[in-house]
Protein backbone atom coordinates (compact mmCIF):
# COMPACT_ATOMS: atom_id res chain seq x y z
CA MET A 1 17.62 6.40 98.64
CA LYS A 2 16.01 6.33 95.12
CA PRO A 3 18.16 6.38 92.03
CA VAL A 4 18.25 10.04 90.63
CA LEU A 5 17.66 11.21 87.06
CA LEU A 6 20.46 14.07 86.78
CA SER A 7 19.13 15.07 83.14
CA PHE A 8 17.58 13.85 79.92
CA SER A 9 17.74 15.34 76.73
CA LEU A 10 15.98 14.33 73.66
CA ALA A 11 17.76 16.38 71.21
CA ALA A 12 21.15 14.37 72.00
CA SER A 13 19.32 11.39 73.32
CA ALA A 14 21.63 11.16 76.22
CA VAL A 15 20.55 9.93 79.31
CA PHE A 16 22.60 10.70 82.61
CA LEU A 17 22.16 8.84 85.85
CA THR A 18 24.27 8.83 89.05
CA SER A 19 22.80 4.93 89.53
CA ALA A 20 20.61 2.66 87.87
CA GLY A 21 16.95 4.14 87.63
CA PHE A 22 14.10 4.67 85.23
CA ALA A 23 14.97 6.83 82.17
CA ALA A 24 12.25 7.41 79.34
CA GLY A 25 9.97 4.76 81.22
CA MET A 26 12.59 1.99 81.27
CA LEU A 27 15.04 0.66 83.91
CA ALA A 28 18.74 1.48 82.86
CA ASP A 29 22.13 1.46 84.45
CA ALA A 30 24.15 4.58 85.13
CA LYS A 31 25.15 4.59 81.47
CA GLY A 32 21.33 4.48 80.22
CA MET A 33 21.71 0.92 79.04
CA THR A 34 18.42 -0.64 79.34
CA LEU A 35 17.81 -3.57 81.53
CA TYR A 36 15.66 -6.49 80.98
CA THR A 37 14.34 -9.71 82.84
CA PHE A 38 14.05 -13.14 81.86
CA ASP A 39 10.62 -15.04 82.37
CA LYS A 40 12.44 -18.30 82.91
CA ASP A 41 14.37 -17.15 85.89
CA THR A 42 12.44 -17.87 89.33
CA LYS A 43 12.48 -15.04 91.84
CA GLY A 44 16.11 -14.68 93.23
CA MET A 45 17.55 -16.99 90.89
CA SER A 46 19.11 -16.48 87.71
CA THR A 47 18.95 -19.22 84.87
CA CYS A 48 20.92 -17.56 82.18
CA TYR A 49 24.45 -18.77 81.81
CA GLY A 50 26.54 -20.06 79.00
CA ALA A 51 25.27 -18.91 75.61
CA CYS A 52 22.42 -17.07 77.04
CA ALA A 53 24.69 -15.00 79.42
CA THR A 54 26.83 -14.16 76.13
CA MET A 55 23.70 -12.79 74.51
CA TRP A 56 21.99 -11.50 77.67
CA PRO A 57 24.92 -10.40 80.15
CA PRO A 58 23.96 -10.07 83.60
CA TYR A 59 24.00 -6.93 85.40
CA LEU A 60 26.71 -7.66 87.92
CA ALA A 61 27.44 -5.56 91.17
CA LYS A 62 30.61 -4.48 91.70
CA LYS A 63 32.30 -5.80 95.26
CA GLY A 64 31.05 -3.87 98.06
CA GLU A 65 28.11 -2.26 96.27
CA LYS A 66 24.81 -1.93 98.38
CA PRO A 67 21.24 -2.17 97.13
CA MET A 68 20.30 1.24 95.64
CA GLY A 69 17.10 1.80 97.04
CA GLU A 70 13.66 0.33 97.08
CA GLY A 71 13.05 -2.97 95.34
CA TRP A 72 16.81 -3.46 94.22
CA THR A 73 18.64 -6.50 95.82
CA MET A 74 21.47 -8.75 94.60
CA VAL A 75 21.33 -12.31 93.99
CA LYS A 76 24.14 -14.75 93.95
CA ARG A 77 24.92 -16.44 90.57
CA LYS A 78 26.44 -19.99 90.22
CA ASP A 79 29.88 -18.60 89.86
CA GLY A 80 29.77 -16.77 92.97
CA ALA A 81 29.20 -13.28 91.51
CA GLU A 82 26.42 -11.15 92.63
CA GLN A 83 23.82 -9.99 90.03
CA TRP A 84 21.42 -7.13 90.49
CA ALA A 85 17.72 -7.70 90.86
CA TYR A 86 14.78 -5.37 90.84
CA ASP A 87 11.88 -6.43 92.75
CA GLY A 88 13.32 -9.99 92.89
CA LYS A 89 13.87 -10.51 89.32
CA PRO A 90 17.60 -10.64 87.94
CA LEU A 91 18.58 -7.83 85.52
CA TYR A 92 20.52 -8.26 82.17
CA PHE A 93 21.63 -6.37 79.31
CA PHE A 94 20.66 -7.25 75.59
CA ALA A 95 24.28 -7.74 73.74
CA LYS A 96 22.81 -6.10 70.50
CA ASP A 97 21.73 -3.12 72.42
CA MET A 98 24.79 -0.57 71.27
CA LYS A 99 23.46 2.90 72.61
CA ALA A 100 21.91 4.26 75.68
CA GLY A 101 18.07 3.79 75.39
CA GLU A 102 17.93 0.90 73.01
CA ALA A 103 15.59 -1.83 73.76
CA MET A 104 16.08 -3.98 70.83
CA GLY A 105 15.66 -7.15 73.05
CA ASN A 106 12.19 -6.25 74.54
CA GLY A 107 9.84 -9.12 73.72
CA MET A 108 12.52 -11.34 72.19
CA LYS A 109 11.16 -14.89 71.89
CA GLY A 110 8.35 -13.80 74.39
CA VAL A 111 10.63 -14.29 77.39
CA TRP A 112 12.58 -11.02 77.69
CA HIS A 113 11.17 -7.83 78.82
CA VAL A 114 12.31 -4.13 79.29
CA VAL A 115 11.46 -3.29 82.81
CA LYS A 116 9.00 -0.48 82.73
CA GLU A 117 8.10 2.15 85.03
């Protein structure tokens, strides 16, 4: 089952998703917060820990959650937590994105990228 976009309002800059999915052409969580990939990760494995994970918090799956649709998987982190991945690439938030739809981390240091449609 593909994630469903319930509504999108340009005037209010509000994005409402029932689960993670694409909003305004970028992959976002259910709250509309932009998701990123990290070029230094290998397919199916996160390499972002410590200070990296503080600035780029992993998009963690809650206990019992199942993949949300085509392209979605989970990867196991060193601490045993499950992190969401899209097309095999672990997903992260950027700590400086404060509002839904912000993508301030896109292109950061040439290795962080917004997942686009």
